[in-house]
Amino acid sequence: MGLILLRLVILIFSGLGGYVIFLKLLQYQGAALAGAGLGVALALLAILFEKAIRKQHIKAVIGGTLGLIAGLVAGNLFTYGVLRDLLDEPSVSLSIYIVTNFLLGYIGLVIGARKGSEFDITELKAGAAPANTAASYKLLDTSVIIDGRIADVCETGFIEGVFLIPQFVLQELQYIADSADPLKRTRGRRGLDILKRMQKMTDLEVRISDQDFPKIKSVDAKLVALGKKLNAKVITNDFNLNKVAELQGVTVLNLNQLSNALKPVVIPGEFMRLKVIKEGSESNQGVAYLDDGTMVVVDNGKRLIGKTVDTVVTSVLQTTAGRMIFARPKEENGGGQHQ
């Protein structure tokens, strides 16, 4: 109620102000009424502008303000510098003054607001080389944060550079953490805990980026767009995001590929001691797992479920999902131990 009353007072005083100014300048009643109407119109524009500006980020507001000031300065310089000969007549000079200031002020406001919303403080780094330092930025997507292994990799010091967490990724994490689904809620909270852990690492620089792309709806698409803009690398374990980013020329560091590359190399003929856990998909097969999670299919291993047995590797298959090892009980080659 108080805000509505304040707006009404602004409309009344703007109308009275326009009436008095135009009456004094032009000395007749018709112009004064036009001035009152112009004052009310300007007040309405100001109220609409105030409503719209509430929804904008502070960076857009600051940028728009600076742009508006620059536009008004340019408008006055243009009016009094270029159109000086047209300012002798009061009615003409006032019209020129209003039009030039409105147009150039509006242009400055729009450009300033747009550039302000795109500005990211992370692009400025005191004492660092310009432009190409962005190549050291690493963008984290939601899946790799929830996965959690990125924190372990960072602790080893193998990945250097500045880790950027876009606000839209944080918002997706928050949305997952607030989910009604208990599993999703746990995953989201795990992701937030991982970020806190990374922020506490003394040798790691983690920044929050406010850059956004309002016209792009998908979080993955926004991440790729930000990667292209900053020439940054995207860290993920999402297969589809990996492919899309590579198609658009964005470098991707896939954590799953790193994990597969670090798995111990096994060759046919090598011996391994394994515990057969369950039945395989094919007849008479058993399944065991290495410490790193690699699945080992044991031929003729169904009868050995629940036992620890010596095996010999027969073949290794590399798939997009990871590495699969095939083996058979060593006893088939002349003996083995069971527990």
C-alpha atoms as a PDB file:
ATOM      1  CA  MET A   1       0.000   0.000   0.000  1.00  0.00           C
ATOM      2  CA  GLY A   2       2.826   2.389   0.892  1.00  0.00           C
ATOM      3  CA  LEU A   3       4.579   1.725  -2.427  1.00  0.00           C
ATOM      4  CA  ILE A   4       1.369   2.397  -4.392  1.00  0.00           C
ATOM      5  CA  LEU A   5       0.891   5.718  -2.549  1.00  0.00           C
ATOM      6  CA  LEU A   6       4.498   6.702  -3.268  1.00  0.00           C
ATOM      7  CA  ARG A   7       4.056   5.971  -6.965  1.00  0.00           C
ATOM      8  CA  LEU A   8       0.861   8.061  -7.016  1.00  0.00           C
ATOM      9  CA  VAL A   9       2.700  11.004  -5.420  1.00  0.00           C
ATOM     10  CA  ILE A  10       5.475  10.675  -8.050  1.00  0.00           C
ATOM     11  CA  LEU A  11       2.900  10.775 -10.858  1.00  0.00           C
ATOM     12  CA  ILE A  12       1.209  13.900  -9.401  1.00  0.00           C
ATOM     13  CA  PHE A  13       4.449  15.823  -8.845  1.00  0.00           C
ATOM     14  CA  SER A  14       5.814  14.807 -12.258  1.00  0.00           C
ATOM     15  CA  GLY A  15       2.662  16.104 -13.913  1.00  0.00           C
ATOM     16  CA  LEU A  16       2.794  19.383 -11.942  1.00  0.00           C
ATOM     17  CA  GLY A  17       6.491  19.760 -12.698  1.00  0.00           C
ATOM     18  CA  GLY A  18       5.935  19.275 -16.424  1.00  0.00           C
ATOM     19  CA  TYR A  19       3.049  21.761 -16.333  1.00  0.00           C
ATOM     20  CA  VAL A  20       5.099  24.478 -14.598  1.00  0.00           C
ATOM     21  CA  ILE A  21       8.214  23.993 -16.739  1.00  0.00           C
ATOM     22  CA  PHE A  22       6.381  24.124 -20.069  1.00  0.00           C
ATOM     23  CA  LEU A  23       4.217  27.069 -18.946  1.00  0.00           C
ATOM     24  CA  LYS A  24       7.327  29.046 -18.003  1.00  0.00           C
ATOM     25  CA  LEU A  25       9.200  28.152 -21.188  1.00  0.00           C
ATOM     26  CA  LEU A  26       6.423  28.507 -23.777  1.00  0.00           C
ATOM     27  CA  GLN A  27       4.064  30.933 -22.022  1.00  0.00           C
ATOM     28  CA  TYR A  28       0.731  29.403 -23.070  1.00  0.00           C
ATOM     29  CA  GLN A  29      -1.778  27.043 -21.516  1.00  0.00           C
ATOM     30  CA  GLY A  30      -1.813  24.367 -24.239  1.00  0.00           C
ATOM     31  CA  ALA A  31       1.917  23.799 -23.932  1.00  0.00           C
ATOM     32  CA  ALA A  32       1.635  23.603 -20.148  1.00  0.00           C
ATOM     33  CA  LEU A  33      -0.995  20.846 -20.420  1.00  0.00           C
ATOM     34  CA  ALA A  34       1.244  18.976 -22.864  1.00  0.00           C
ATOM     35  CA  GLY A  35       4.083  19.351 -20.366  1.00  0.00           C
ATOM     36  CA  ALA A  36       1.912  17.884 -17.612  1.00  0.00           C
ATOM     37  CA  GLY A  37       1.093  14.907 -19.835  1.00  0.00           C
ATOM     38  CA  LEU A  38       4.780  14.437 -20.666  1.00  0.00           C
ATOM     39  CA  GLY A  39       5.658  14.547 -16.967  1.00  0.00           C
ATOM     40  CA  VAL A  40       3.083  11.865 -16.142  1.00  0.00           C
ATOM     41  CA  ALA A  41       4.307   9.736 -19.059  1.00  0.00           C
ATOM     42  CA  LEU A  42       7.922   9.981 -17.895  1.00  0.00           C
ATOM     43  CA  ALA A  43       6.869   9.042 -14.358  1.00  0.00           C
ATOM     44  CA  LEU A  44       5.030   5.982 -15.686  1.00  0.00           C
ATOM     45  CA  LEU A  45       8.125   4.970 -17.639  1.00  0.00           C
ATOM     46  CA  ALA A  46      10.211   5.361 -14.494  1.00  0.00           C
ATOM     47  CA  ILE A  47       7.798   3.145 -12.505  1.00  0.00           C
ATOM     48  CA  LEU A  48       7.833   0.470 -15.224  1.00  0.00           C
ATOM     49  CA  PHE A  49      11.612   0.655 -15.339  1.00  0.00           C
ATOM     50  CA  GLU A  50      11.769   0.236 -11.557  1.00  0.00           C
ATOM     51  CA  LYS A  51       9.609  -2.901 -11.790  1.00  0.00           C
ATOM     52  CA  ALA A  52      11.752  -4.387 -14.542  1.00  0.00           C
ATOM     53  CA  ILE A  53      15.050  -3.623 -12.848  1.00  0.00           C
ATOM     54  CA  ARG A  54      14.111  -5.666  -9.765  1.00  0.00           C
ATOM     55  CA  LYS A  55      14.455  -8.885 -11.777  1.00  0.00           C
ATOM     56  CA  GLN A  56      17.906  -8.013 -13.121  1.00  0.00           C
ATOM     57  CA  HIS A  57      21.265  -9.101 -11.738  1.00  0.00           C
ATOM     58  CA  ILE A  58      23.272  -6.391  -9.997  1.00  0.00           C
ATOM     59  CA  LYS A  59      25.905  -6.556 -12.751  1.00  0.00           C
ATOM     60  CA  ALA A  60      23.270  -5.668 -15.365  1.00  0.00           C
ATOM     61  CA  VAL A  61      22.043  -2.785 -13.180  1.00  0.00           C
ATOM     62  CA  ILE A  62      25.545  -1.363 -12.752  1.00  0.00           C
ATOM     63  CA  GLY A  63      26.324  -1.791 -16.439  1.00  0.00           C
ATOM     64  CA  GLY A  64      23.035  -0.187 -17.437  1.00  0.00           C
ATOM     65  CA  THR A  65      23.631   2.784 -15.120  1.00  0.00           C
ATOM     66  CA  LEU A  66      27.101   3.410 -16.529  1.00  0.00           C
ATOM     67  CA  GLY A  67      25.751   3.019 -20.059  1.00  0.00           C
ATOM     68  CA  LEU A  68      22.917   5.476 -19.368  1.00  0.00           C
ATOM     69  CA  ILE A  69      25.347   8.076 -18.004  1.00  0.00           C
ATOM     70  CA  ALA A  70      27.596   7.662 -21.033  1.00  0.00           C
ATOM     71  CA  GLY A  71      24.580   7.964 -23.355  1.00  0.00           C
ATOM     72  CA  LEU A  72      23.333  11.157 -21.680  1.00  0.00           C
ATOM     73  CA  VAL A  73      26.792  12.724 -21.817  1.00  0.00           C
ATOM     74  CA  ALA A  74      27.047  11.841 -25.503  1.00  0.00           C
ATOM     75  CA  GLY A  75      23.546  13.247 -26.093  1.00  0.00           C
ATOM     76  CA  ASN A  76      24.378  16.591 -24.511  1.00  0.00           C
ATOM     77  CA  LEU A  77      27.693  16.870 -26.322  1.00  0.00           C
ATOM     78  CA  PHE A  78      25.967  16.095 -29.610  1.00  0.00           C
ATOM     79  CA  THR A  79      23.127  18.569 -28.938  1.00  0.00           C
ATOM     80  CA  TYR A  80      25.263  21.530 -27.911  1.00  0.00           C
ATOM     81  CA  GLY A  81      28.192  20.744 -30.178  1.00  0.00           C
ATOM     82  CA  VAL A  82      26.560  19.771 -33.468  1.00  0.00           C
ATOM     83  CA  LEU A  83      23.025  21.192 -33.257  1.00  0.00           C
ATOM     84  CA  ARG A  84      23.906  24.512 -31.614  1.00  0.00           C
ATOM     85  CA  ASP A  85      22.346  26.585 -34.430  1.00  0.00           C
ATOM     86  CA  LEU A  86      18.956  24.948 -33.878  1.00  0.00           C
ATOM     87  CA  LEU A  87      18.731  25.823 -30.182  1.00  0.00           C
ATOM     88  CA  ASP A  88      17.705  29.471 -30.526  1.00  0.00           C
ATOM     89  CA  GLU A  89      13.980  28.705 -30.590  1.00  0.00           C
ATOM     90  CA  PRO A  90      12.848  27.409 -27.130  1.00  0.00           C
ATOM     91  CA  SER A  91      10.262  24.925 -28.444  1.00  0.00           C
ATOM     92  CA  VAL A  92      12.677  23.477 -31.006  1.00  0.00           C
ATOM     93  CA  SER A  93      15.624  23.344 -28.579  1.00  0.00           C
ATOM     94  CA  LEU A  94      13.566  21.515 -25.940  1.00  0.00           C
ATOM     95  CA  SER A  95      12.377  18.921 -28.471  1.00  0.00           C
ATOM     96  CA  ILE A  96      15.908  18.338 -29.754  1.00  0.00           C
ATOM     97  CA  TYR A  97      17.242  18.071 -26.225  1.00  0.00           C
ATOM     98  CA  ILE A  98      14.598  15.507 -25.215  1.00  0.00           C
ATOM     99  CA  VAL A  99      14.920  13.388 -28.370  1.00  0.00           C
ATOM    100  CA  THR A 100      18.736  13.186 -28.441  1.00  0.00           C
ATOM    101  CA  ASN A 101      19.051  12.483 -24.731  1.00  0.00           C
ATOM    102  CA  PHE A 102      16.296   9.877 -24.830  1.00  0.00           C
ATOM    103  CA  LEU A 103      17.688   8.024 -27.839  1.00  0.00           C
ATOM    104  CA  LEU A 104      21.358   8.030 -26.829  1.00  0.00           C
ATOM    105  CA  GLY A 105      20.503   7.421 -23.172  1.00  0.00           C
ATOM    106  CA  TYR A 106      18.368   4.423 -24.147  1.00  0.00           C
ATOM    107  CA  ILE A 107      21.092   3.000 -26.401  1.00  0.00           C
ATOM    108  CA  GLY A 108      23.674   3.408 -23.635  1.00  0.00           C
ATOM    109  CA  LEU A 109      21.341   1.800 -21.095  1.00  0.00           C
ATOM    110  CA  VAL A 110      20.640  -1.277 -23.238  1.00  0.00           C
ATOM    111  CA  ILE A 111      24.256  -1.820 -24.288  1.00  0.00           C
ATOM    112  CA  GLY A 112      25.554  -1.256 -20.755  1.00  0.00           C
ATOM    113  CA  ALA A 113      23.030  -3.668 -19.209  1.00  0.00           C
ATOM    114  CA  ARG A 114      23.799  -6.379 -21.744  1.00  0.00           C
ATOM    115  CA  LYS A 115      27.561  -6.073 -21.440  1.00  0.00           C
ATOM    116  CA  GLY A 116      27.292  -5.834 -17.670  1.00  0.00           C
ATOM    117  CA  SER A 117      25.362  -9.115 -17.448  1.00  0.00           C
ATOM    118  CA  GLU A 118      28.015 -10.825 -19.605  1.00  0.00           C
ATOM    119  CA  PHE A 119      30.912  -9.525 -17.530  1.00  0.00           C
ATOM    120  CA  ASP A 120      32.636 -12.051 -15.280  1.00  0.00           C
ATOM    121  CA  ILE A 121      35.198 -11.025 -12.684  1.00  0.00           C
ATOM    122  CA  THR A 122      36.931 -14.369 -13.207  1.00  0.00           C
ATOM    123  CA  GLU A 123      38.130 -13.061 -16.570  1.00  0.00           C
ATOM    124  CA  LEU A 124      40.225 -10.474 -14.742  1.00  0.00           C
ATOM    125  CA  LYS A 125      43.284 -11.748 -12.999  1.00  0.00           C
ATOM    126  CA  ALA A 126      45.708  -9.285 -11.471  1.00  0.00           C
ATOM    127  CA  GLY A 127      49.234  -9.663 -12.735  1.00  0.00           C
ATOM    128  CA  ALA A 128      48.359 -12.481 -15.142  1.00  0.00           C
ATOM    129  CA  ALA A 129      48.766 -12.570 -18.889  1.00  0.00           C
ATOM    130  CA  PRO A 130      45.593 -11.440 -20.696  1.00  0.00           C
ATOM    131  CA  ALA A 131      43.215 -13.510 -22.817  1.00  0.00           C
ATOM    132  CA  ASN A 132      45.033 -16.822 -23.091  1.00  0.00           C
ATOM    133  CA  THR A 133      45.044 -17.454 -19.327  1.00  0.00           C
ATOM    134  CA  ALA A 134      41.430 -18.563 -19.753  1.00  0.00           C
ATOM    135  CA  ALA A 135      42.793 -21.740 -21.303  1.00  0.00           C
ATOM    136  CA  SER A 136      43.683 -22.885 -17.777  1.00  0.00           C
ATOM    137  CA  TYR A 137      40.053 -22.726 -16.656  1.00  0.00           C
ATOM    138  CA  LYS A 138      38.337 -26.033 -15.888  1.00  0.00           C
ATOM    139  CA  LEU A 139      34.517 -26.128 -15.909  1.00  0.00           C
ATOM    140  CA  LEU A 140      32.878 -28.788 -13.748  1.00  0.00           C
ATOM    141  CA  ASP A 141      29.532 -30.251 -14.740  1.00  0.00           C
ATOM    142  CA  THR A 142      26.922 -31.565 -12.312  1.00  0.00           C
ATOM    143  CA  SER A 143      27.601 -35.261 -12.891  1.00  0.00           C
ATOM    144  CA  VAL A 144      31.325 -35.078 -12.184  1.00  0.00           C
ATOM    145  CA  ILE A 145      30.720 -33.093  -8.985  1.00  0.00           C
ATOM    146  CA  ILE A 146      28.218 -35.649  -7.686  1.00  0.00           C
ATOM    147  CA  ASP A 147      30.563 -38.484  -8.709  1.00  0.00           C
ATOM    148  CA  GLY A 148      33.104 -37.134  -6.218  1.00  0.00           C
ATOM    149  CA  ARG A 149      36.277 -38.614  -7.705  1.00  0.00           C
ATOM    150  CA  ILE A 150      37.291 -35.184  -8.992  1.00  0.00           C
ATOM    151  CA  ALA A 151      38.101 -34.145  -5.415  1.00  0.00           C
ATOM    152  CA  ASP A 152      40.459 -37.127  -5.034  1.00  0.00           C
ATOM    153  CA  VAL A 153      42.152 -36.285  -8.343  1.00  0.00           C
ATOM    154  CA  CYS A 154      42.571 -32.645  -7.266  1.00  0.00           C
ATOM    155  CA  GLU A 155      44.220 -33.734  -4.021  1.00  0.00           C
ATOM    156  CA  THR A 156      46.912 -35.518  -6.038  1.00  0.00           C
ATOM    157  CA  GLY A 157      47.801 -32.277  -7.846  1.00  0.00           C
ATOM    158  CA  PHE A 158      47.581 -33.805 -11.327  1.00  0.00           C
ATOM    159  CA  ILE A 159      45.125 -31.181 -12.600  1.00  0.00           C
ATOM    160  CA  GLU A 160      46.210 -27.533 -12.589  1.00  0.00           C
ATOM    161  CA  GLY A 161      44.377 -24.298 -13.264  1.00  0.00           C
ATOM    162  CA  VAL A 162      41.306 -22.508 -11.958  1.00  0.00           C
ATOM    163  CA  PHE A 163      38.161 -24.565 -11.380  1.00  0.00           C
ATOM    164  CA  LEU A 164      35.019 -22.657 -12.379  1.00  0.00           C
ATOM    165  CA  ILE A 165      31.611 -23.649 -11.040  1.00  0.00           C
ATOM    166  CA  PRO A 166      28.879 -21.852 -13.051  1.00  0.00           C
ATOM    167  CA  GLN A 167      25.876 -20.591 -11.121  1.00  0.00           C
ATOM    168  CA  PHE A 168      23.544 -22.660 -13.308  1.00  0.00           C
ATOM    169  CA  VAL A 169      25.392 -25.829 -12.247  1.00  0.00           C
ATOM    170  CA  LEU A 170      25.043 -24.807  -8.595  1.00  0.00           C
ATOM    171  CA  GLN A 171      21.337 -24.204  -9.138  1.00  0.00           C
ATOM    172  CA  GLU A 172      20.927 -27.675 -10.660  1.00  0.00           C
ATOM    173  CA  LEU A 173      22.768 -29.196  -7.693  1.00  0.00           C
ATOM    174  CA  GLN A 174      20.507 -27.284  -5.305  1.00  0.00           C
ATOM    175  CA  TYR A 175      17.438 -28.479  -7.208  1.00  0.00           C
ATOM    176  CA  ILE A 176      18.617 -32.100  -6.942  1.00  0.00           C
ATOM    177  CA  ALA A 177      19.449 -31.658  -3.237  1.00  0.00           C
ATOM    178  CA  ASP A 178      15.901 -30.374  -2.609  1.00  0.00           C
ATOM    179  CA  SER A 179      14.263 -33.222  -4.544  1.00  0.00           C
ATOM    180  CA  ALA A 180      11.486 -35.263  -2.967  1.00  0.00           C
ATOM    181  CA  ASP A 181      13.236 -38.428  -4.188  1.00  0.00           C
ATOM    182  CA  PRO A 182      15.545 -39.615  -1.348  1.00  0.00           C
ATOM    183  CA  LEU A 183      18.172 -40.948  -3.788  1.00  0.00           C
ATOM    184  CA  LYS A 184      18.313 -37.714  -5.789  1.00  0.00           C
ATOM    185  CA  ARG A 185      18.388 -35.687  -2.579  1.00  0.00           C
ATOM    186  CA  THR A 186      21.359 -37.693  -1.306  1.00  0.00           C
ATOM    187  CA  ARG A 187      23.203 -37.282  -4.614  1.00  0.00           C
ATOM    188  CA  GLY A 188      22.630 -33.528  -4.635  1.00  0.00           C
ATOM    189  CA  ARG A 189      23.845 -33.093  -1.076  1.00  0.00           C
ATOM    190  CA  ARG A 190      26.865 -35.232  -1.847  1.00  0.00           C
ATOM    191  CA  GLY A 191      27.696 -32.887  -4.734  1.00  0.00           C
ATOM    192  CA  LEU A 192      27.484 -29.818  -2.485  1.00  0.00           C
ATOM    193  CA  ASP A 193      29.710 -31.529   0.089  1.00  0.00           C
ATOM    194  CA  ILE A 194      32.268 -32.320  -2.620  1.00  0.00           C
ATOM    195  CA  LEU A 195      32.382 -28.643  -3.626  1.00  0.00           C
ATOM    196  CA  LYS A 196      32.915 -27.586  -0.009  1.00  0.00           C
ATOM    197  CA  ARG A 197      35.744 -30.097   0.252  1.00  0.00           C
ATOM    198  CA  MET A 198      37.387 -28.712  -2.888  1.00  0.00           C
ATOM    199  CA  GLN A 199      37.052 -25.109  -1.684  1.00  0.00           C
ATOM    200  CA  LYS A 200      38.921 -26.026   1.497  1.00  0.00           C
ATOM    201  CA  MET A 201      41.921 -27.403  -0.406  1.00  0.00           C
ATOM    202  CA  THR A 202      44.731 -24.912   0.081  1.00  0.00           C
ATOM    203  CA  ASP A 203      46.457 -25.607  -3.247  1.00  0.00           C
ATOM    204  CA  LEU A 204      43.259 -25.458  -5.297  1.00  0.00           C
ATOM    205  CA  GLU A 205      41.507 -22.354  -6.639  1.00  0.00           C
ATOM    206  CA  VAL A 206      37.749 -22.757  -6.974  1.00  0.00           C
ATOM    207  CA  ARG A 207      35.637 -19.860  -8.281  1.00  0.00           C
ATOM    208  CA  ILE A 208      31.931 -19.350  -8.843  1.00  0.00           C
ATOM    209  CA  SER A 209      31.093 -17.930 -12.282  1.00  0.00           C
ATOM    210  CA  ASP A 210      27.998 -15.736 -12.699  1.00  0.00           C
ATOM    211  CA  GLN A 211      28.026 -15.966 -16.478  1.00  0.00           C
ATOM    212  CA  ASP A 212      24.799 -17.324 -17.883  1.00  0.00           C
ATOM    213  CA  PHE A 213      23.068 -17.792 -21.217  1.00  0.00           C
ATOM    214  CA  PRO A 214      19.363 -17.056 -20.605  1.00  0.00           C
ATOM    215  CA  LYS A 215      18.345 -18.066 -24.132  1.00  0.00           C
ATOM    216  CA  ILE A 216      19.830 -21.554 -23.645  1.00  0.00           C
ATOM    217  CA  LYS A 217      17.695 -23.874 -21.503  1.00  0.00           C
ATOM    218  CA  SER A 218      19.857 -26.999 -21.117  1.00  0.00           C
ATOM    219  CA  VAL A 219      22.570 -26.919 -18.437  1.00  0.00           C
ATOM    220  CA  ASP A 220      24.865 -29.028 -20.632  1.00  0.00           C
ATOM    221  CA  ALA A 221      24.395 -26.653 -23.576  1.00  0.00           C
ATOM    222  CA  LYS A 222      25.152 -23.668 -21.322  1.00  0.00           C
ATOM    223  CA  LEU A 223      28.305 -25.402 -20.119  1.00  0.00           C
ATOM    224  CA  VAL A 224      29.495 -25.956 -23.691  1.00  0.00           C
ATOM    225  CA  ALA A 225      28.718 -22.328 -24.593  1.00  0.00           C
ATOM    226  CA  LEU A 226      30.685 -21.081 -21.576  1.00  0.00           C
ATOM    227  CA  GLY A 227      33.557 -23.399 -22.459  1.00  0.00           C
ATOM    228  CA  LYS A 228      33.689 -21.928 -25.969  1.00  0.00           C
ATOM    229  CA  LYS A 229      33.509 -18.368 -24.668  1.00  0.00           C
ATOM    230  CA  LEU A 230      36.299 -18.776 -22.110  1.00  0.00           C
ATOM    231  CA  ASN A 231      38.340 -21.298 -24.131  1.00  0.00           C
ATOM    232  CA  ALA A 232      38.034 -23.508 -21.050  1.00  0.00           C
ATOM    233  CA  LYS A 233      38.130 -27.276 -20.640  1.00  0.00           C
ATOM    234  CA  VAL A 234      35.047 -29.132 -19.433  1.00  0.00           C
ATOM    235  CA  ILE A 235      35.521 -31.885 -16.851  1.00  0.00           C
ATOM    236  CA  THR A 236      32.740 -34.476 -16.959  1.00  0.00           C
ATOM    237  CA  ASN A 237      31.915 -38.166 -16.854  1.00  0.00           C
ATOM    238  CA  ASP A 238      28.821 -37.732 -19.044  1.00  0.00           C
ATOM    239  CA  PHE A 239      29.301 -39.578 -22.344  1.00  0.00           C
ATOM    240  CA  ASN A 240      26.753 -37.477 -24.273  1.00  0.00           C
ATOM    241  CA  LEU A 241      28.128 -34.160 -23.012  1.00  0.00           C
ATOM    242  CA  ASN A 242      31.580 -35.378 -23.974  1.00  0.00           C
ATOM    243  CA  LYS A 243      30.516 -35.969 -27.592  1.00  0.00           C
ATOM    244  CA  VAL A 244      28.532 -32.715 -27.920  1.00  0.00           C
ATOM    245  CA  ALA A 245      31.393 -30.633 -26.509  1.00  0.00           C
ATOM    246  CA  GLU A 246      33.944 -32.253 -28.810  1.00  0.00           C
ATOM    247  CA  LEU A 247      31.721 -31.612 -31.844  1.00  0.00           C
ATOM    248  CA  GLN A 248      31.690 -27.902 -30.943  1.00  0.00           C
ATOM    249  CA  GLY A 249      35.441 -27.717 -30.452  1.00  0.00           C
ATOM    250  CA  VAL A 250      35.462 -27.647 -26.634  1.00  0.00           C
ATOM    251  CA  THR A 251      38.190 -29.695 -24.967  1.00  0.00           C
ATOM    252  CA  VAL A 252      36.818 -32.339 -22.586  1.00  0.00           C
ATOM    253  CA  LEU A 253      38.524 -34.117 -19.707  1.00  0.00           C
ATOM    254  CA  ASN A 254      36.465 -37.257 -19.113  1.00  0.00           C
ATOM    255  CA  LEU A 255      36.966 -38.718 -15.657  1.00  0.00           C
ATOM    256  CA  ASN A 256      35.806 -42.159 -16.757  1.00  0.00           C
ATOM    257  CA  GLN A 257      38.439 -42.231 -19.489  1.00  0.00           C
ATOM    258  CA  LEU A 258      41.053 -41.247 -16.924  1.00  0.00           C
ATOM    259  CA  SER A 259      39.879 -44.024 -14.611  1.00  0.00           C
ATOM    260  CA  ASN A 260      40.062 -46.616 -17.395  1.00  0.00           C
ATOM    261  CA  ALA A 261      43.520 -45.438 -18.403  1.00  0.00           C
ATOM    262  CA  LEU A 262      44.789 -45.901 -14.846  1.00  0.00           C
ATOM    263  CA  LYS A 263      43.478 -49.425 -14.421  1.00  0.00           C
ATOM    264  CA  PRO A 264      46.191 -52.102 -14.169  1.00  0.00           C
ATOM    265  CA  VAL A 265      47.087 -53.708 -17.473  1.00  0.00           C
ATOM    266  CA  VAL A 266      46.457 -57.437 -17.680  1.00  0.00           C
ATOM    267  CA  ILE A 267      47.477 -59.715 -20.535  1.00  0.00           C
ATOM    268  CA  PRO A 268      46.323 -63.187 -21.600  1.00  0.00           C
ATOM    269  CA  GLY A 269      48.151 -65.876 -19.667  1.00  0.00           C
ATOM    270  CA  GLU A 270      48.494 -63.778 -16.499  1.00  0.00           C
ATOM    271  CA  PHE A 271      47.345 -65.372 -13.219  1.00  0.00           C
ATOM    272  CA  MET A 272      44.879 -63.696 -10.825  1.00  0.00           C
ATOM    273  CA  ARG A 273      43.354 -64.757  -7.531  1.00  0.00           C
ATOM    274  CA  LEU A 274      39.660 -63.845  -7.435  1.00  0.00           C
ATOM    275  CA  LYS A 275      36.504 -64.425  -5.450  1.00  0.00           C
ATOM    276  CA  VAL A 276      33.622 -65.518  -7.662  1.00  0.00           C
ATOM    277  CA  ILE A 277      30.594 -63.531  -6.507  1.00  0.00           C
ATOM    278  CA  LYS A 278      27.683 -64.360  -8.765  1.00  0.00           C
ATOM    279  CA  GLU A 279      26.483 -66.226 -11.820  1.00  0.00           C
ATOM    280  CA  GLY A 280      27.330 -64.829 -15.262  1.00  0.00           C
ATOM    281  CA  SER A 281      24.953 -64.061 -18.126  1.00  0.00           C
ATOM    282  CA  GLU A 282      26.047 -67.123 -20.126  1.00  0.00           C
ATOM    283  CA  SER A 283      25.672 -70.748 -19.111  1.00  0.00           C
ATOM    284  CA  ASN A 284      28.159 -71.972 -16.512  1.00  0.00           C
ATOM    285  CA  GLN A 285      29.856 -68.574 -16.126  1.00  0.00           C
ATOM    286  CA  GLY A 286      30.839 -66.911 -12.851  1.00  0.00           C
ATOM    287  CA  VAL A 287      31.563 -63.239 -12.227  1.00  0.00           C
ATOM    288  CA  ALA A 288      34.262 -61.672 -10.060  1.00  0.00           C
ATOM    289  CA  TYR A 289      35.518 -58.102  -9.637  1.00  0.00           C
ATOM    290  CA  LEU A 290      38.942 -56.527  -9.243  1.00  0.00           C
ATOM    291  CA  ASP A 291      39.568 -53.912  -6.548  1.00  0.00           C
ATOM    292  CA  ASP A 292      39.050 -51.096  -9.086  1.00  0.00           C
ATOM    293  CA  GLY A 293      35.631 -52.489 -10.083  1.00  0.00           C
ATOM    294  CA  THR A 294      36.687 -54.177 -13.330  1.00  0.00           C
ATOM    295  CA  MET A 295      34.443 -57.150 -14.068  1.00  0.00           C
ATOM    296  CA  VAL A 296      36.055 -60.543 -14.640  1.00  0.00           C
ATOM    297  CA  VAL A 297      34.003 -63.261 -16.341  1.00  0.00           C
ATOM    298  CA  VAL A 298      35.179 -66.703 -15.215  1.00  0.00           C
ATOM    299  CA  ASP A 299      34.376 -69.546 -17.608  1.00  0.00           C
ATOM    300  CA  ASN A 300      33.113 -72.657 -15.825  1.00  0.00           C
ATOM    301  CA  GLY A 301      32.948 -70.537 -12.679  1.00  0.00           C
ATOM    302  CA  LYS A 302      29.291 -71.018 -11.755  1.00  0.00           C
ATOM    303  CA  ARG A 303      30.168 -73.925  -9.478  1.00  0.00           C
ATOM    304  CA  LEU A 304      32.791 -71.748  -7.734  1.00  0.00           C
ATOM    305  CA  ILE A 305      30.406 -68.994  -6.563  1.00  0.00           C
ATOM    306  CA  GLY A 306      31.391 -67.859  -3.052  1.00  0.00           C
ATOM    307  CA  LYS A 307      34.910 -69.291  -3.351  1.00  0.00           C
ATOM    308  CA  THR A 308      38.301 -67.674  -3.906  1.00  0.00           C
ATOM    309  CA  VAL A 309      40.051 -69.320  -6.826  1.00  0.00           C
ATOM    310  CA  ASP A 310      43.234 -68.930  -8.862  1.00  0.00           C
ATOM    311  CA  THR A 311      42.452 -68.031 -12.469  1.00  0.00           C
ATOM    312  CA  VAL A 312      44.340 -67.462 -15.688  1.00  0.00           C
ATOM    313  CA  VAL A 313      43.404 -64.587 -18.054  1.00  0.00           C
ATOM    314  CA  THR A 314      42.233 -65.764 -21.469  1.00  0.00           C
ATOM    315  CA  SER A 315      41.318 -62.420 -23.109  1.00  0.00           C
ATOM    316  CA  VAL A 316      40.679 -58.716 -22.417  1.00  0.00           C
ATOM    317  CA  LEU A 317      37.874 -56.718 -24.039  1.00  0.00           C
ATOM    318  CA  GLN A 318      37.857 -52.901 -24.054  1.00  0.00           C
ATOM    319  CA  THR A 319      34.378 -51.367 -24.443  1.00  0.00           C
ATOM    320  CA  THR A 320      32.952 -47.849 -24.180  1.00  0.00           C
ATOM    321  CA  ALA A 321      31.683 -48.806 -20.722  1.00  0.00           C
ATOM    322  CA  GLY A 322      35.133 -49.923 -19.581  1.00  0.00           C
ATOM    323  CA  ARG A 323      37.348 -52.982 -19.586  1.00  0.00           C
ATOM    324  CA  MET A 324      36.100 -56.560 -19.293  1.00  0.00           C
ATOM    325  CA  ILE A 325      38.398 -59.486 -18.513  1.00  0.00           C
ATOM    326  CA  PHE A 326      37.738 -63.128 -19.359  1.00  0.00           C
ATOM    327  CA  ALA A 327      39.440 -65.897 -17.389  1.00  0.00           C
ATOM    328  CA  ARG A 328      39.158 -69.575 -16.505  1.00  0.00           C
ATOM    329  CA  PRO A 329      40.019 -71.494 -13.328  1.00  0.00           C
ATOM    330  CA  LYS A 330      43.685 -72.361 -13.068  1.00  0.00           C
ATOM    331  CA  GLU A 331      42.741 -75.877 -11.997  1.00  0.00           C
ATOM    332  CA  GLU A 332      41.763 -76.589 -15.583  1.00  0.00           C
ATOM    333  CA  ASN A 333      45.435 -76.123 -16.425  1.00  0.00           C
ATOM    334  CA  GLY A 334      46.634 -78.411 -13.687  1.00  0.00           C
ATOM    335  CA  GLY A 335      45.592 -77.290 -10.237  1.00  0.00           C
ATOM    336  CA  GLY A 336      44.211 -74.409  -8.165  1.00  0.00           C
ATOM    337  CA  GLN A 337      43.274 -73.405  -4.642  1.00  0.00           C
ATOM    338  CA  HIS A 338      39.782 -72.891  -3.286  1.00  0.00           C
ATOM    339  CA  GLN A 339      38.565 -71.336  -0.063  1.00  0.00           C
END
